[in-house]
Amino acid sequence: MWRVVGRNLSEMAIDFFSTGTLPETVFESPMELIPKVKNPERVNQLRPISLNNVSLKAITKAMTSRLKPLMRKLVSPKQGSFILGRQKTDNIIVVQEVLHSLRHKKGKKGVSL
């Protein structure tokens, strides 16, 4: 397989890291409908899949590997995203906990929502 796509993918990656641009075609994701049953008759009997461009995934992986050693310098520990082991949904949980405690706080110094 590499014999077929290797040269083109390598040239695309080298060009990207030199110019910072990618061909528009790498952002296209054709959709296909895969039947869940034999001879489907309704839409819910089909499973949509997106055929993402492998070259974009490979270049993205290379780019993130290059940035990984720099992330501690680029991103504050207080940042909610881009931190290894932290999920973007963690922020939602933190906000819910803060709002819950503010709603149930008693006294004159509490915040009413």
N, C-alpha and C. Protein backbone atom coordinates (compact mmCIF):
# COMPACT_ATOMS: atom_id res chain seq x y z
N MET A 1 0.83 -1.20 0.00
CA MET A 1 0.00 0.00 0.00
C MET A 1 0.87 1.26 0.00
N TRP A 2 1.96 1.26 0.80
CA TRP A 2 2.81 2.43 0.88
C TRP A 2 3.42 2.76 -0.49
N ARG A 3 3.70 1.72 -1.29
CA ARG A 3 4.24 1.95 -2.64
C ARG A 3 3.29 2.79 -3.48
N VAL A 4 1.99 2.65 -3.23
CA VAL A 4 0.99 3.36 -4.02
C VAL A 4 0.85 4.81 -3.57
N VAL A 5 0.79 5.06 -2.27
CA VAL A 5 0.48 6.40 -1.76
C VAL A 5 1.66 7.09 -1.08
N GLY A 6 2.71 6.37 -0.80
CA GLY A 6 3.82 6.90 0.00
C GLY A 6 4.42 8.19 -0.52
N ARG A 7 4.74 8.22 -1.79
CA ARG A 7 5.38 9.40 -2.36
C ARG A 7 4.46 10.62 -2.30
N ASN A 8 3.20 10.43 -2.69
CA ASN A 8 2.25 11.56 -2.67
C ASN A 8 2.01 12.07 -1.26
N LEU A 9 1.86 11.15 -0.31
CA LEU A 9 1.63 11.56 1.08
C LEU A 9 2.85 12.28 1.64
N SER A 10 4.03 11.76 1.35
CA SER A 10 5.26 12.41 1.82
C SER A 10 5.39 13.82 1.26
N GLU A 11 5.15 13.97 -0.03
CA GLU A 11 5.23 15.29 -0.66
C GLU A 11 4.21 16.26 -0.08
N MET A 12 2.99 15.75 0.18
CA MET A 12 1.95 16.60 0.76
C MET A 12 2.36 17.06 2.16
N ALA A 13 2.91 16.15 2.96
CA ALA A 13 3.33 16.49 4.32
C ALA A 13 4.48 17.50 4.30
N ILE A 14 5.47 17.28 3.44
CA ILE A 14 6.60 18.21 3.33
C ILE A 14 6.10 19.59 2.90
N ASP A 15 5.20 19.61 1.95
CA ASP A 15 4.63 20.87 1.48
C ASP A 15 3.86 21.57 2.60
N PHE A 16 3.09 20.81 3.37
CA PHE A 16 2.33 21.40 4.48
C PHE A 16 3.26 22.02 5.51
N PHE A 17 4.30 21.28 5.91
CA PHE A 17 5.19 21.80 6.94
C PHE A 17 6.07 22.94 6.42
N SER A 18 6.18 23.07 5.10
CA SER A 18 6.93 24.20 4.51
C SER A 18 6.05 25.43 4.34
N THR A 19 4.83 25.24 3.87
CA THR A 19 3.96 26.37 3.52
C THR A 19 2.83 26.61 4.51
N GLY A 20 2.44 25.59 5.25
CA GLY A 20 1.31 25.73 6.17
C GLY A 20 -0.04 25.60 5.50
N THR A 21 -0.05 25.16 4.25
CA THR A 21 -1.32 25.02 3.54
C THR A 21 -1.50 23.58 3.06
N LEU A 22 -2.75 23.21 2.90
CA LEU A 22 -3.12 21.88 2.40
C LEU A 22 -4.07 22.05 1.22
N PRO A 23 -4.08 21.09 0.31
CA PRO A 23 -5.07 21.15 -0.77
C PRO A 23 -6.49 21.02 -0.20
N GLU A 24 -7.42 21.72 -0.79
CA GLU A 24 -8.82 21.68 -0.32
C GLU A 24 -9.39 20.27 -0.30
N THR A 25 -8.91 19.41 -1.16
CA THR A 25 -9.47 18.06 -1.26
C THR A 25 -9.30 17.24 0.00
N VAL A 26 -8.31 17.56 0.84
CA VAL A 26 -8.11 16.75 2.06
C VAL A 26 -9.21 16.99 3.08
N PHE A 27 -9.97 18.07 2.92
CA PHE A 27 -11.05 18.37 3.86
C PHE A 27 -12.39 17.77 3.44
N GLU A 28 -12.43 17.12 2.31
CA GLU A 28 -13.66 16.50 1.85
C GLU A 28 -13.85 15.16 2.56
N SER A 29 -15.07 14.89 2.99
CA SER A 29 -15.41 13.62 3.65
C SER A 29 -16.68 13.06 3.02
N PRO A 30 -16.53 12.27 1.97
CA PRO A 30 -17.73 11.69 1.36
C PRO A 30 -18.47 10.78 2.34
N MET A 31 -19.78 10.79 2.24
CA MET A 31 -20.62 9.94 3.08
C MET A 31 -21.09 8.74 2.27
N GLU A 32 -21.12 7.60 2.92
CA GLU A 32 -21.65 6.39 2.31
C GLU A 32 -22.69 5.81 3.24
N LEU A 33 -23.68 5.15 2.67
CA LEU A 33 -24.71 4.49 3.47
C LEU A 33 -24.48 2.98 3.38
N ILE A 34 -24.23 2.37 4.52
CA ILE A 34 -23.99 0.94 4.60
C ILE A 34 -25.27 0.27 5.12
N PRO A 35 -25.79 -0.71 4.41
CA PRO A 35 -27.03 -1.36 4.87
C PRO A 35 -26.81 -2.14 6.17
N LYS A 36 -27.75 -2.00 7.10
CA LYS A 36 -27.74 -2.77 8.34
C LYS A 36 -28.39 -4.13 8.13
N VAL A 37 -29.29 -4.19 7.16
CA VAL A 37 -30.03 -5.43 6.86
C VAL A 37 -29.94 -5.70 5.36
N LYS A 38 -30.26 -6.92 4.99
CA LYS A 38 -30.29 -7.26 3.57
C LYS A 38 -31.49 -6.58 2.92
N ASN A 39 -31.30 -5.97 1.78
CA ASN A 39 -32.36 -5.27 1.03
C ASN A 39 -33.07 -4.21 1.89
N PRO A 40 -32.38 -3.18 2.33
CA PRO A 40 -33.02 -2.15 3.16
C PRO A 40 -34.12 -1.41 2.38
N GLU A 41 -35.20 -1.08 3.10
CA GLU A 41 -36.32 -0.37 2.50
C GLU A 41 -36.55 1.00 3.14
N ARG A 42 -35.98 1.23 4.33
CA ARG A 42 -36.15 2.51 5.03
C ARG A 42 -34.77 3.08 5.38
N VAL A 43 -34.75 4.37 5.59
CA VAL A 43 -33.49 5.06 5.90
C VAL A 43 -32.88 4.54 7.20
N ASN A 44 -33.72 4.23 8.20
CA ASN A 44 -33.17 3.77 9.47
C ASN A 44 -32.54 2.37 9.37
N GLN A 45 -32.62 1.76 8.22
CA GLN A 45 -31.97 0.47 7.99
C GLN A 45 -30.59 0.65 7.35
N LEU A 46 -30.16 1.91 7.26
CA LEU A 46 -28.85 2.23 6.69
C LEU A 46 -27.99 2.91 7.75
N ARG A 47 -26.71 2.66 7.70
CA ARG A 47 -25.76 3.26 8.63
C ARG A 47 -24.86 4.22 7.83
N PRO A 48 -24.90 5.52 8.14
CA PRO A 48 -24.01 6.45 7.43
C PRO A 48 -22.59 6.37 7.99
N ILE A 49 -21.61 6.37 7.10
CA ILE A 49 -20.22 6.45 7.53
C ILE A 49 -19.54 7.54 6.72
N SER A 50 -18.57 8.16 7.34
CA SER A 50 -17.81 9.21 6.68
C SER A 50 -16.45 8.65 6.29
N LEU A 51 -16.08 8.84 5.05
CA LEU A 51 -14.80 8.34 4.56
C LEU A 51 -13.79 9.48 4.65
N ASN A 52 -13.21 9.65 5.85
CA ASN A 52 -12.27 10.74 6.08
C ASN A 52 -10.96 10.50 5.33
N ASN A 53 -10.30 11.57 5.01
CA ASN A 53 -9.07 11.53 4.26
C ASN A 53 -7.91 11.10 5.16
N VAL A 54 -7.26 10.02 4.82
CA VAL A 54 -6.17 9.47 5.63
C VAL A 54 -4.97 10.41 5.64
N SER A 55 -4.72 11.12 4.54
CA SER A 55 -3.57 12.02 4.50
C SER A 55 -3.72 13.14 5.53
N LEU A 56 -4.93 13.66 5.72
CA LEU A 56 -5.16 14.69 6.73
C LEU A 56 -4.89 14.13 8.12
N LYS A 57 -5.34 12.91 8.38
CA LYS A 57 -5.11 12.28 9.68
C LYS A 57 -3.62 12.09 9.94
N ALA A 58 -2.87 11.67 8.92
CA ALA A 58 -1.43 11.43 9.08
C ALA A 58 -0.70 12.74 9.37
N ILE A 59 -1.04 13.80 8.63
CA ILE A 59 -0.39 15.09 8.84
C ILE A 59 -0.76 15.67 10.21
N THR A 60 -2.01 15.52 10.61
CA THR A 60 -2.44 15.99 11.93
C THR A 60 -1.69 15.26 13.03
N LYS A 61 -1.52 13.96 12.88
CA LYS A 61 -0.79 13.17 13.87
C LYS A 61 0.67 13.64 13.97
N ALA A 62 1.30 13.89 12.83
CA ALA A 62 2.68 14.38 12.83
C ALA A 62 2.76 15.76 13.49
N MET A 63 1.80 16.62 13.20
CA MET A 63 1.79 17.95 13.77
C MET A 63 1.62 17.90 15.28
N THR A 64 0.69 17.09 15.78
CA THR A 64 0.49 17.01 17.23
C THR A 64 1.69 16.38 17.92
N SER A 65 2.36 15.44 17.27
CA SER A 65 3.56 14.85 17.85
C SER A 65 4.66 15.90 17.99
N ARG A 66 4.77 16.79 17.02
CA ARG A 66 5.76 17.86 17.09
C ARG A 66 5.42 18.88 18.18
N LEU A 67 4.15 19.15 18.38
CA LEU A 67 3.72 20.15 19.36
C LEU A 67 3.72 19.62 20.80
N LYS A 68 3.61 18.33 20.97
CA LYS A 68 3.46 17.75 22.30
C LYS A 68 4.52 18.23 23.31
N PRO A 69 5.81 18.25 22.95
CA PRO A 69 6.81 18.72 23.92
C PRO A 69 6.66 20.20 24.30
N LEU A 70 6.01 20.98 23.46
CA LEU A 70 5.85 22.42 23.71
C LEU A 70 4.58 22.77 24.47
N MET A 71 3.67 21.82 24.62
CA MET A 71 2.34 22.13 25.15
C MET A 71 2.39 22.74 26.55
N ARG A 72 3.31 22.31 27.41
CA ARG A 72 3.36 22.89 28.77
C ARG A 72 3.73 24.36 28.74
N LYS A 73 4.50 24.76 27.73
CA LYS A 73 4.87 26.17 27.60
C LYS A 73 3.76 26.98 26.92
N LEU A 74 2.98 26.34 26.08
CA LEU A 74 1.95 27.05 25.31
C LEU A 74 0.61 27.15 26.03
N VAL A 75 0.31 26.17 26.89
CA VAL A 75 -1.01 26.08 27.51
C VAL A 75 -0.88 26.17 29.02
N SER A 76 -1.64 27.06 29.61
CA SER A 76 -1.65 27.22 31.07
C SER A 76 -2.27 25.99 31.72
N PRO A 77 -1.79 25.61 32.92
CA PRO A 77 -2.42 24.47 33.62
C PRO A 77 -3.88 24.74 33.98
N LYS A 78 -4.27 26.02 33.96
CA LYS A 78 -5.67 26.36 34.25
C LYS A 78 -6.56 26.21 33.02
N GLN A 79 -5.94 26.00 31.88
CA GLN A 79 -6.68 25.80 30.62
C GLN A 79 -7.52 24.53 30.73
N GLY A 80 -8.68 24.54 30.13
CA GLY A 80 -9.57 23.39 30.21
C GLY A 80 -9.35 22.34 29.14
N SER A 81 -8.69 22.69 28.06
CA SER A 81 -8.48 21.74 26.97
C SER A 81 -6.99 21.60 26.69
N PHE A 82 -6.66 20.67 25.84
CA PHE A 82 -5.29 20.45 25.39
C PHE A 82 -4.35 20.00 26.50
N ILE A 83 -4.88 19.41 27.55
CA ILE A 83 -4.03 18.90 28.62
C ILE A 83 -4.22 17.40 28.69
N LEU A 84 -3.09 16.68 28.64
CA LEU A 84 -3.13 15.22 28.64
C LEU A 84 -3.90 14.71 29.85
N GLY A 85 -4.84 13.83 29.62
CA GLY A 85 -5.63 13.25 30.69
C GLY A 85 -6.86 14.05 31.06
N ARG A 86 -7.03 15.21 30.45
CA ARG A 86 -8.19 16.05 30.75
C ARG A 86 -9.15 16.03 29.57
N GLN A 87 -10.41 15.85 29.86
CA GLN A 87 -11.44 15.81 28.83
C GLN A 87 -12.14 17.16 28.77
N LYS A 88 -12.64 17.53 27.59
CA LYS A 88 -13.34 18.81 27.50
C LYS A 88 -14.62 18.80 28.32
N THR A 89 -15.18 17.62 28.58
CA THR A 89 -16.40 17.54 29.38
C THR A 89 -16.13 17.76 30.87
N ASP A 90 -14.86 17.70 31.29
CA ASP A 90 -14.52 17.96 32.70
C ASP A 90 -14.97 19.35 33.10
N ASN A 91 -14.84 20.33 32.20
CA ASN A 91 -15.24 21.70 32.51
C ASN A 91 -16.73 21.80 32.80
N ILE A 92 -17.52 21.02 32.09
CA ILE A 92 -18.97 21.05 32.31
C ILE A 92 -19.28 20.60 33.74
N ILE A 93 -18.61 19.56 34.18
CA ILE A 93 -18.82 19.04 35.54
C ILE A 93 -18.41 20.08 36.58
N VAL A 94 -17.28 20.73 36.37
CA VAL A 94 -16.80 21.76 37.31
C VAL A 94 -17.81 22.90 37.40
N VAL A 95 -18.29 23.36 36.26
CA VAL A 95 -19.26 24.46 36.26
C VAL A 95 -20.55 24.05 36.98
N GLN A 96 -21.02 22.83 36.75
CA GLN A 96 -22.23 22.36 37.43
C GLN A 96 -22.03 22.32 38.94
N GLU A 97 -20.85 21.88 39.38
CA GLU A 97 -20.58 21.83 40.82
C GLU A 97 -20.52 23.23 41.43
N VAL A 98 -19.90 24.17 40.73
CA VAL A 98 -19.82 25.54 41.22
C VAL A 98 -21.21 26.15 41.31
N LEU A 99 -22.01 25.99 40.26
CA LEU A 99 -23.37 26.54 40.28
C LEU A 99 -24.20 25.91 41.38
N HIS A 100 -24.05 24.62 41.58
CA HIS A 100 -24.80 23.93 42.65
C HIS A 100 -24.44 24.50 44.01
N SER A 101 -23.13 24.68 44.27
CA SER A 101 -22.73 25.19 45.58
C SER A 101 -23.14 26.65 45.75
N LEU A 102 -23.13 27.44 44.67
CA LEU A 102 -23.58 28.83 44.78
C LEU A 102 -25.07 28.92 45.07
N ARG A 103 -25.84 28.05 44.46
CA ARG A 103 -27.30 28.06 44.70
C ARG A 103 -27.64 27.68 46.14
N HIS A 104 -26.86 26.80 46.72
CA HIS A 104 -27.16 26.29 48.05
C HIS A 104 -26.37 26.99 49.15
N LYS A 105 -25.60 28.00 48.78
CA LYS A 105 -24.83 28.74 49.77
C LYS A 105 -25.76 29.63 50.57
N LYS A 106 -25.58 29.62 51.87
CA LYS A 106 -26.44 30.43 52.74
C LYS A 106 -25.62 31.58 53.32
N GLY A 107 -26.25 32.62 53.67
CA GLY A 107 -25.58 33.76 54.27
C GLY A 107 -25.59 34.95 53.35
N LYS A 108 -25.12 36.06 53.86
CA LYS A 108 -25.16 37.32 53.11
C LYS A 108 -24.09 37.38 52.03
N LYS A 109 -23.07 36.58 52.13
CA LYS A 109 -21.99 36.64 51.15
C LYS A 109 -22.21 35.70 49.98
N GLY A 110 -23.28 34.98 49.97
CA GLY A 110 -23.56 34.07 48.88
C GLY A 110 -24.02 34.82 47.63
N VAL A 111 -24.01 34.13 46.53
CA VAL A 111 -24.44 34.71 45.27
C VAL A 111 -25.78 34.09 44.90
N SER A 112 -26.76 34.90 44.55
CA SER A 112 -28.04 34.34 44.16
C SER A 112 -28.12 34.28 42.63
N LEU A 113 -28.56 33.15 42.14
CA LEU A 113 -28.70 32.97 40.70
C LEU A 113 -30.14 32.79 40.32
